[in-house]
Amino acid sequence: MEIINPRSIKKIADARKVIFDLQEKVIQLEQVLDDLARAVEIATVSGQFHITESFRMTAIEMLEDRIVDSTVDSHDNEDLKVRIYE
């Protein structure tokens, strides 16, 4: 999904459709995030971290249709390193 310049929308009907589509996307993302947060909470309490895998995969699927800002280099996070402390 590309970022939409609000000034490029000339018709009210087009603006309403964009608003509706974005609201649907936000609702779907909130649901996935809520499910993921609950799965992590349960996994933390129970120590069964394998149960988070299906929720993680669903989140990754949702991110495939992320909003893309063409002004930002998409390779900015390639060198991102994650450290896990115990």
PDB file of N, CA and C in Angstrom:
ATOM      1  N   MET A   1       0.857  -1.169   0.000  1.00  0.00           N
ATOM      2  CA  MET A   1       0.000   0.000   0.000  1.00  0.00           C
ATOM      3  C   MET A   1       0.901   1.229   0.000  1.00  0.00           C
ATOM      4  N   GLU A   2       0.635   2.144  -0.886  1.00  0.00           N
ATOM      5  CA  GLU A   2       1.418   3.379  -0.987  1.00  0.00           C
ATOM      6  C   GLU A   2       0.813   4.470  -0.104  1.00  0.00           C
ATOM      7  N   ILE A   3       1.648   5.368   0.352  1.00  0.00           N
ATOM      8  CA  ILE A   3       1.156   6.536   1.095  1.00  0.00           C
ATOM      9  C   ILE A   3       0.370   7.413   0.129  1.00  0.00           C
ATOM     10  N   ILE A   4      -0.756   7.910   0.584  1.00  0.00           N
ATOM     11  CA  ILE A   4      -1.622   8.733  -0.252  1.00  0.00           C
ATOM     12  C   ILE A   4      -1.480  10.188   0.176  1.00  0.00           C
ATOM     13  N   ASN A   5      -1.203  11.035  -0.793  1.00  0.00           N
ATOM     14  CA  ASN A   5      -1.144  12.468  -0.527  1.00  0.00           C
ATOM     15  C   ASN A   5      -2.584  12.972  -0.422  1.00  0.00           C
ATOM     16  N   PRO A   6      -2.992  13.492   0.737  1.00  0.00           N
ATOM     17  CA  PRO A   6      -4.383  13.942   0.899  1.00  0.00           C
ATOM     18  C   PRO A   6      -4.794  15.010  -0.112  1.00  0.00           C
ATOM     19  N   ARG A   7      -3.835  15.777  -0.590  1.00  0.00           N
ATOM     20  CA  ARG A   7      -4.162  16.836  -1.570  1.00  0.00           C
ATOM     21  C   ARG A   7      -4.487  16.269  -2.943  1.00  0.00           C
ATOM     22  N   SER A   8      -4.124  15.005  -3.173  1.00  0.00           N
ATOM     23  CA  SER A   8      -4.401  14.397  -4.472  1.00  0.00           C
ATOM     24  C   SER A   8      -5.844  13.888  -4.564  1.00  0.00           C
ATOM     25  N   ILE A   9      -6.540  13.816  -3.446  1.00  0.00           N
ATOM     26  CA  ILE A   9      -7.923  13.341  -3.438  1.00  0.00           C
ATOM     27  C   ILE A   9      -8.839  14.528  -3.692  1.00  0.00           C
ATOM     28  N   LYS A  10      -9.555  14.475  -4.793  1.00  0.00           N
ATOM     29  CA  LYS A  10     -10.394  15.612  -5.202  1.00  0.00           C
ATOM     30  C   LYS A  10     -11.880  15.384  -4.934  1.00  0.00           C
ATOM     31  N   LYS A  11     -12.321  14.124  -4.928  1.00  0.00           N
ATOM     32  CA  LYS A  11     -13.736  13.820  -4.762  1.00  0.00           C
ATOM     33  C   LYS A  11     -14.006  13.332  -3.347  1.00  0.00           C
ATOM     34  N   ILE A  12     -15.128  13.755  -2.803  1.00  0.00           N
ATOM     35  CA  ILE A  12     -15.538  13.330  -1.460  1.00  0.00           C
ATOM     36  C   ILE A  12     -15.701  11.811  -1.411  1.00  0.00           C
ATOM     37  N   ALA A  13     -16.249  11.227  -2.449  1.00  0.00           N
ATOM     38  CA  ALA A  13     -16.449   9.773  -2.473  1.00  0.00           C
ATOM     39  C   ALA A  13     -15.115   9.040  -2.391  1.00  0.00           C
ATOM     40  N   ASP A  14     -14.094   9.555  -3.077  1.00  0.00           N
ATOM     41  CA  ASP A  14     -12.766   8.943  -3.017  1.00  0.00           C
ATOM     42  C   ASP A  14     -12.174   9.073  -1.615  1.00  0.00           C
ATOM     43  N   ALA A  15     -12.371  10.232  -0.995  1.00  0.00           N
ATOM     44  CA  ALA A  15     -11.861  10.447   0.361  1.00  0.00           C
ATOM     45  C   ALA A  15     -12.538   9.505   1.346  1.00  0.00           C
ATOM     46  N   ARG A  16     -13.831   9.328   1.198  1.00  0.00           N
ATOM     47  CA  ARG A  16     -14.561   8.412   2.083  1.00  0.00           C
ATOM     48  C   ARG A  16     -14.068   6.979   1.923  1.00  0.00           C
ATOM     49  N   LYS A  17     -13.804   6.577   0.685  1.00  0.00           N
ATOM     50  CA  LYS A  17     -13.305   5.218   0.441  1.00  0.00           C
ATOM     51  C   LYS A  17     -11.926   5.033   1.074  1.00  0.00           C
ATOM     52  N   VAL A  18     -11.053   6.014   0.936  1.00  0.00           N
ATOM     53  CA  VAL A  18      -9.716   5.924   1.530  1.00  0.00           C
ATOM     54  C   VAL A  18      -9.830   5.838   3.048  1.00  0.00           C
ATOM     55  N   ILE A  19     -10.675   6.676   3.633  1.00  0.00           N
ATOM     56  CA  ILE A  19     -10.870   6.652   5.086  1.00  0.00           C
ATOM     57  C   ILE A  19     -11.399   5.298   5.531  1.00  0.00           C
ATOM     58  N   PHE A  20     -12.385   4.776   4.828  1.00  0.00           N
ATOM     59  CA  PHE A  20     -12.959   3.483   5.177  1.00  0.00           C
ATOM     60  C   PHE A  20     -11.914   2.375   5.081  1.00  0.00           C
ATOM     61  N   ASP A  21     -11.153   2.355   3.982  1.00  0.00           N
ATOM     62  CA  ASP A  21     -10.126   1.328   3.788  1.00  0.00           C
ATOM     63  C   ASP A  21      -9.069   1.392   4.895  1.00  0.00           C
ATOM     64  N   LEU A  22      -8.653   2.601   5.253  1.00  0.00           N
ATOM     65  CA  LEU A  22      -7.647   2.748   6.302  1.00  0.00           C
ATOM     66  C   LEU A  22      -8.194   2.354   7.669  1.00  0.00           C
ATOM     67  N   GLN A  23      -9.456   2.671   7.926  1.00  0.00           N
ATOM     68  CA  GLN A  23     -10.064   2.261   9.191  1.00  0.00           C
ATOM     69  C   GLN A  23     -10.122   0.740   9.286  1.00  0.00           C
ATOM     70  N   GLU A  24     -10.478   0.072   8.191  1.00  0.00           N
ATOM     71  CA  GLU A  24     -10.508  -1.386   8.183  1.00  0.00           C
ATOM     72  C   GLU A  24      -9.127  -1.955   8.457  1.00  0.00           C
ATOM     73  N   LYS A  25      -8.112  -1.360   7.838  1.00  0.00           N
ATOM     74  CA  LYS A  25      -6.741  -1.825   8.039  1.00  0.00           C
ATOM     75  C   LYS A  25      -6.302  -1.639   9.491  1.00  0.00           C
ATOM     76  N   VAL A  26      -6.634  -0.506  10.092  1.00  0.00           N
ATOM     77  CA  VAL A  26      -6.281  -0.247  11.492  1.00  0.00           C
ATOM     78  C   VAL A  26      -6.978  -1.252  12.408  1.00  0.00           C
ATOM     79  N   ILE A  27      -8.239  -1.517  12.160  1.00  0.00           N
ATOM     80  CA  ILE A  27      -8.982  -2.474  12.983  1.00  0.00           C
ATOM     81  C   ILE A  27      -8.347  -3.866  12.886  1.00  0.00           C
ATOM     82  N   GLN A  28      -7.998  -4.295  11.677  1.00  0.00           N
ATOM     83  CA  GLN A  28      -7.372  -5.607  11.501  1.00  0.00           C
ATOM     84  C   GLN A  28      -6.026  -5.663  12.229  1.00  0.00           C
ATOM     85  N   LEU A  29      -5.237  -4.615  12.104  1.00  0.00           N
ATOM     86  CA  LEU A  29      -3.935  -4.582  12.771  1.00  0.00           C
ATOM     87  C   LEU A  29      -4.084  -4.578  14.288  1.00  0.00           C
ATOM     88  N   GLU A  30      -5.076  -3.859  14.793  1.00  0.00           N
ATOM     89  CA  GLU A  30      -5.325  -3.841  16.237  1.00  0.00           C
ATOM     90  C   GLU A  30      -5.712  -5.229  16.739  1.00  0.00           C
ATOM     91  N   GLN A  31      -6.523  -5.937  15.968  1.00  0.00           N
ATOM     92  CA  GLN A  31      -6.930  -7.281  16.368  1.00  0.00           C
ATOM     93  C   GLN A  31      -5.737  -8.234  16.408  1.00  0.00           C
ATOM     94  N   VAL A  32      -4.881  -8.155  15.395  1.00  0.00           N
ATOM     95  CA  VAL A  32      -3.700  -9.015  15.354  1.00  0.00           C
ATOM     96  C   VAL A  32      -2.756  -8.665  16.496  1.00  0.00           C
ATOM     97  N   LEU A  33      -2.568  -7.370  16.759  1.00  0.00           N
ATOM     98  CA  LEU A  33      -1.696  -6.943  17.844  1.00  0.00           C
ATOM     99  C   LEU A  33      -2.244  -7.388  19.197  1.00  0.00           C
ATOM    100  N   ASP A  34      -3.549  -7.285  19.361  1.00  0.00           N
ATOM    101  CA  ASP A  34      -4.184  -7.733  20.606  1.00  0.00           C
ATOM    102  C   ASP A  34      -3.992  -9.240  20.803  1.00  0.00           C
ATOM    103  N   ASP A  35      -4.197 -10.018  19.742  1.00  0.00           N
ATOM    104  CA  ASP A  35      -3.996 -11.466  19.818  1.00  0.00           C
ATOM    105  C   ASP A  35      -2.543 -11.800  20.152  1.00  0.00           C
ATOM    106  N   LEU A  36      -1.621 -11.103  19.516  1.00  0.00           N
ATOM    107  CA  LEU A  36      -0.203 -11.344  19.755  1.00  0.00           C
ATOM    108  C   LEU A  36       0.179 -10.995  21.192  1.00  0.00           C
ATOM    109  N   ALA A  37      -0.342  -9.876  21.694  1.00  0.00           N
ATOM    110  CA  ALA A  37      -0.052  -9.479  23.075  1.00  0.00           C
ATOM    111  C   ALA A  37      -0.589 -10.510  24.066  1.00  0.00           C
ATOM    112  N   ARG A  38      -1.784 -11.019  23.824  1.00  0.00           N
ATOM    113  CA  ARG A  38      -2.355 -12.040  24.714  1.00  0.00           C
ATOM    114  C   ARG A  38      -1.553 -13.334  24.655  1.00  0.00           C
ATOM    115  N   ALA A  39      -1.126 -13.716  23.462  1.00  0.00           N
ATOM    116  CA  ALA A  39      -0.332 -14.942  23.322  1.00  0.00           C
ATOM    117  C   ALA A  39       0.992 -14.822  24.065  1.00  0.00           C
ATOM    118  N   VAL A  40       1.619 -13.649  23.966  1.00  0.00           N
ATOM    119  CA  VAL A  40       2.890 -13.446  24.671  1.00  0.00           C
ATOM    120  C   VAL A  40       2.669 -13.442  26.179  1.00  0.00           C
ATOM    121  N   GLU A  41       1.569 -12.848  26.618  1.00  0.00           N
ATOM    122  CA  GLU A  41       1.259 -12.848  28.052  1.00  0.00           C
ATOM    123  C   GLU A  41       1.081 -14.277  28.565  1.00  0.00           C
ATOM    124  N   ILE A  42       0.312 -15.075  27.835  1.00  0.00           N
ATOM    125  CA  ILE A  42       0.088 -16.468  28.231  1.00  0.00           C
ATOM    126  C   ILE A  42       1.403 -17.245  28.203  1.00  0.00           C
ATOM    127  N   ALA A  43       2.206 -17.020  27.161  1.00  0.00           N
ATOM    128  CA  ALA A  43       3.482 -17.722  27.044  1.00  0.00           C
ATOM    129  C   ALA A  43       4.428 -17.334  28.170  1.00  0.00           C
ATOM    130  N   THR A  44       4.404 -16.068  28.569  1.00  0.00           N
ATOM    131  CA  THR A  44       5.270 -15.608  29.647  1.00  0.00           C
ATOM    132  C   THR A  44       4.892 -16.260  30.969  1.00  0.00           C
ATOM    133  N   VAL A  45       3.599 -16.341  31.231  1.00  0.00           N
ATOM    134  CA  VAL A  45       3.129 -16.931  32.488  1.00  0.00           C
ATOM    135  C   VAL A  45       3.359 -18.440  32.507  1.00  0.00           C
ATOM    136  N   SER A  46       3.093 -19.085  31.374  1.00  0.00           N
ATOM    137  CA  SER A  46       3.154 -20.551  31.337  1.00  0.00           C
ATOM    138  C   SER A  46       4.519 -21.097  30.942  1.00  0.00           C
ATOM    139  N   GLY A  47       5.346 -20.236  30.342  1.00  0.00           N
ATOM    140  CA  GLY A  47       6.647 -20.700  29.871  1.00  0.00           C
ATOM    141  C   GLY A  47       6.576 -21.481  28.572  1.00  0.00           C
ATOM    142  N   GLN A  48       5.419 -21.482  27.932  1.00  0.00           N
ATOM    143  CA  GLN A  48       5.220 -22.231  26.686  1.00  0.00           C
ATOM    144  C   GLN A  48       5.278 -21.264  25.497  1.00  0.00           C
ATOM    145  N   PHE A  49       6.479 -20.848  25.141  1.00  0.00           N
ATOM    146  CA  PHE A  49       6.642 -19.820  24.112  1.00  0.00           C
ATOM    147  C   PHE A  49       6.315 -20.313  22.708  1.00  0.00           C
ATOM    148  N   HIS A  50       6.224 -21.611  22.518  1.00  0.00           N
ATOM    149  CA  HIS A  50       5.881 -22.150  21.201  1.00  0.00           C
ATOM    150  C   HIS A  50       4.468 -21.746  20.766  1.00  0.00           C
ATOM    151  N   ILE A  51       3.622 -21.387  21.713  1.00  0.00           N
ATOM    152  CA  ILE A  51       2.244 -21.021  21.334  1.00  0.00           C
ATOM    153  C   ILE A  51       2.176 -19.675  20.618  1.00  0.00           C
ATOM    154  N   THR A  52       3.242 -18.892  20.663  1.00  0.00           N
ATOM    155  CA  THR A  52       3.222 -17.581  20.010  1.00  0.00           C
ATOM    156  C   THR A  52       3.484 -17.676  18.510  1.00  0.00           C
ATOM    157  N   GLU A  53       3.957 -18.807  18.030  1.00  0.00           N
ATOM    158  CA  GLU A  53       4.377 -18.935  16.630  1.00  0.00           C
ATOM    159  C   GLU A  53       3.256 -18.627  15.636  1.00  0.00           C
ATOM    160  N   SER A  54       2.072 -19.165  15.824  1.00  0.00           N
ATOM    161  CA  SER A  54       0.989 -18.914  14.863  1.00  0.00           C
ATOM    162  C   SER A  54       0.571 -17.446  14.874  1.00  0.00           C
ATOM    163  N   PHE A  55       0.623 -16.816  16.041  1.00  0.00           N
ATOM    164  CA  PHE A  55       0.272 -15.397  16.124  1.00  0.00           C
ATOM    165  C   PHE A  55       1.339 -14.540  15.458  1.00  0.00           C
ATOM    166  N   ARG A  56       2.606 -14.961  15.608  1.00  0.00           N
ATOM    167  CA  ARG A  56       3.702 -14.245  14.961  1.00  0.00           C
ATOM    168  C   ARG A  56       3.569 -14.346  13.439  1.00  0.00           C
ATOM    169  N   MET A  57       3.219 -15.504  12.937  1.00  0.00           N
ATOM    170  CA  MET A  57       3.056 -15.696  11.493  1.00  0.00           C
ATOM    171  C   MET A  57       1.900 -14.854  10.954  1.00  0.00           C
ATOM    172  N   THR A  58       0.813 -14.755  11.712  1.00  0.00           N
ATOM    173  CA  THR A  58      -0.311 -13.911  11.302  1.00  0.00           C
ATOM    174  C   THR A  58       0.122 -12.452  11.235  1.00  0.00           C
ATOM    175  N   ALA A  59       0.911 -12.015  12.209  1.00  0.00           N
ATOM    176  CA  ALA A  59       1.412 -10.633  12.209  1.00  0.00           C
ATOM    177  C   ALA A  59       2.298 -10.383  10.996  1.00  0.00           C
ATOM    178  N   ILE A  60       3.147 -11.327  10.664  1.00  0.00           N
ATOM    179  CA  ILE A  60       4.021 -11.174   9.500  1.00  0.00           C
ATOM    180  C   ILE A  60       3.190 -11.089   8.220  1.00  0.00           C
ATOM    181  N   GLU A  61       2.137 -11.891   8.116  1.00  0.00           N
ATOM    182  CA  GLU A  61       1.246 -11.827   6.953  1.00  0.00           C
ATOM    183  C   GLU A  61       0.595 -10.456   6.828  1.00  0.00           C
ATOM    184  N   MET A  62       0.168  -9.886   7.964  1.00  0.00           N
ATOM    185  CA  MET A  62      -0.455  -8.559   7.940  1.00  0.00           C
ATOM    186  C   MET A  62       0.545  -7.498   7.498  1.00  0.00           C
ATOM    187  N   LEU A  63       1.799  -7.666   7.852  1.00  0.00           N
ATOM    188  CA  LEU A  63       2.824  -6.682   7.498  1.00  0.00           C
ATOM    189  C   LEU A  63       3.231  -6.742   6.034  1.00  0.00           C
ATOM    190  N   GLU A  64       2.822  -7.794   5.322  1.00  0.00           N
ATOM    191  CA  GLU A  64       3.135  -7.874   3.897  1.00  0.00           C
ATOM    192  C   GLU A  64       2.462  -6.750   3.121  1.00  0.00           C
ATOM    193  N   ASP A  65       1.342  -6.256   3.621  1.00  0.00           N
ATOM    194  CA  ASP A  65       0.621  -5.157   2.961  1.00  0.00           C
ATOM    195  C   ASP A  65       0.832  -3.850   3.720  1.00  0.00           C
ATOM    196  N   ARG A  66       2.047  -3.644   4.219  1.00  0.00           N
ATOM    197  CA  ARG A  66       2.321  -2.429   4.988  1.00  0.00           C
ATOM    198  C   ARG A  66       2.303  -1.199   4.089  1.00  0.00           C
ATOM    199  N   ILE A  67       2.078  -0.070   4.698  1.00  0.00           N
ATOM    200  CA  ILE A  67       2.087   1.205   3.981  1.00  0.00           C
ATOM    201  C   ILE A  67       3.543   1.562   3.702  1.00  0.00           C
ATOM    202  N   VAL A  68       3.837   1.859   2.450  1.00  0.00           N
ATOM    203  CA  VAL A  68       5.202   2.126   2.022  1.00  0.00           C
ATOM    204  C   VAL A  68       5.372   3.612   1.752  1.00  0.00           C
ATOM    205  N   ASP A  69       6.380   4.191   2.390  1.00  0.00           N
ATOM    206  CA  ASP A  69       6.733   5.593   2.155  1.00  0.00           C
ATOM    207  C   ASP A  69       7.899   5.601   1.182  1.00  0.00           C
ATOM    208  N   SER A  70       7.647   6.041  -0.037  1.00  0.00           N
ATOM    209  CA  SER A  70       8.685   6.001  -1.075  1.00  0.00           C
ATOM    210  C   SER A  70       9.834   6.964  -0.788  1.00  0.00           C
ATOM    211  N   THR A  71       9.670   7.876   0.175  1.00  0.00           N
ATOM    212  CA  THR A  71      10.746   8.811   0.504  1.00  0.00           C
ATOM    213  C   THR A  71      11.738   8.203   1.488  1.00  0.00           C
ATOM    214  N   VAL A  72      11.406   7.037   2.053  1.00  0.00           N
ATOM    215  CA  VAL A  72      12.274   6.373   3.018  1.00  0.00           C
ATOM    216  C   VAL A  72      12.910   5.166   2.356  1.00  0.00           C
ATOM    217  N   ASP A  73      14.210   5.008   2.541  1.00  0.00           N
ATOM    218  CA  ASP A  73      14.921   3.870   1.978  1.00  0.00           C
ATOM    219  C   ASP A  73      14.435   2.596   2.667  1.00  0.00           C
ATOM    220  N   SER A  74      13.951   1.655   1.888  1.00  0.00           N
ATOM    221  CA  SER A  74      13.394   0.422   2.465  1.00  0.00           C
ATOM    222  C   SER A  74      14.473  -0.475   3.063  1.00  0.00           C
ATOM    223  N   HIS A  75      15.722  -0.162   2.823  1.00  0.00           N
ATOM    224  CA  HIS A  75      16.813  -0.989   3.347  1.00  0.00           C
ATOM    225  C   HIS A  75      17.389  -0.415   4.640  1.00  0.00           C
ATOM    226  N   ASP A  76      16.716   0.569   5.231  1.00  0.00           N
ATOM    227  CA  ASP A  76      17.208   1.198   6.455  1.00  0.00           C
ATOM    228  C   ASP A  76      17.403   0.210   7.595  1.00  0.00           C
ATOM    229  N   ASN A  77      16.560  -0.805   7.689  1.00  0.00           N
ATOM    230  CA  ASN A  77      16.607  -1.719   8.823  1.00  0.00           C
ATOM    231  C   ASN A  77      17.350  -3.023   8.534  1.00  0.00           C
ATOM    232  N   GLU A  78      18.017  -3.104   7.399  1.00  0.00           N
ATOM    233  CA  GLU A  78      18.696  -4.354   7.067  1.00  0.00           C
ATOM    234  C   GLU A  78      19.815  -4.678   8.043  1.00  0.00           C
ATOM    235  N   ASP A  79      20.481  -3.661   8.573  1.00  0.00           N
ATOM    236  CA  ASP A  79      21.592  -3.892   9.489  1.00  0.00           C
ATOM    237  C   ASP A  79      21.143  -3.916  10.943  1.00  0.00           C
ATOM    238  N   LEU A  80      19.837  -3.907  11.172  1.00  0.00           N
ATOM    239  CA  LEU A  80      19.307  -3.929  12.523  1.00  0.00           C
ATOM    240  C   LEU A  80      19.660  -5.244  13.205  1.00  0.00           C
ATOM    241  N   LYS A  81      20.225  -5.139  14.368  1.00  0.00           N
ATOM    242  CA  LYS A  81      20.608  -6.327  15.121  1.00  0.00           C
ATOM    243  C   LYS A  81      19.790  -6.373  16.405  1.00  0.00           C
ATOM    244  N   VAL A  82      19.396  -7.558  16.782  1.00  0.00           N
ATOM    245  CA  VAL A  82      18.608  -7.756  17.991  1.00  0.00           C
ATOM    246  C   VAL A  82      19.464  -8.511  18.996  1.00  0.00           C
ATOM    247  N   ARG A  83      19.487  -8.003  20.202  1.00  0.00           N
ATOM    248  CA  ARG A  83      20.211  -8.688  21.267  1.00  0.00           C
ATOM    249  C   ARG A  83      19.222  -9.199  22.277  1.00  0.00           C
ATOM    250  N   ILE A  84      19.448 -10.427  22.715  1.00  0.00           N
ATOM    251  CA  ILE A  84      18.570 -11.024  23.712  1.00  0.00           C
ATOM    252  C   ILE A  84      19.381 -11.187  25.000  1.00  0.00           C
ATOM    253  N   TYR A  85      18.870 -10.595  26.058  1.00  0.00           N
ATOM    254  CA  TYR A  85      19.534 -10.677  27.360  1.00  0.00           C
ATOM    255  C   TYR A  85      18.751 -11.608  28.260  1.00  0.00           C
ATOM    256  N   GLU A  86      19.457 -12.421  29.000  1.00  0.00           N
ATOM    257  CA  GLU A  86      18.786 -13.310  29.948  1.00  0.00           C
ATOM    258  C   GLU A  86      19.169 -12.945  31.354  1.00  0.00           C
TER     259      GLU A  86
END
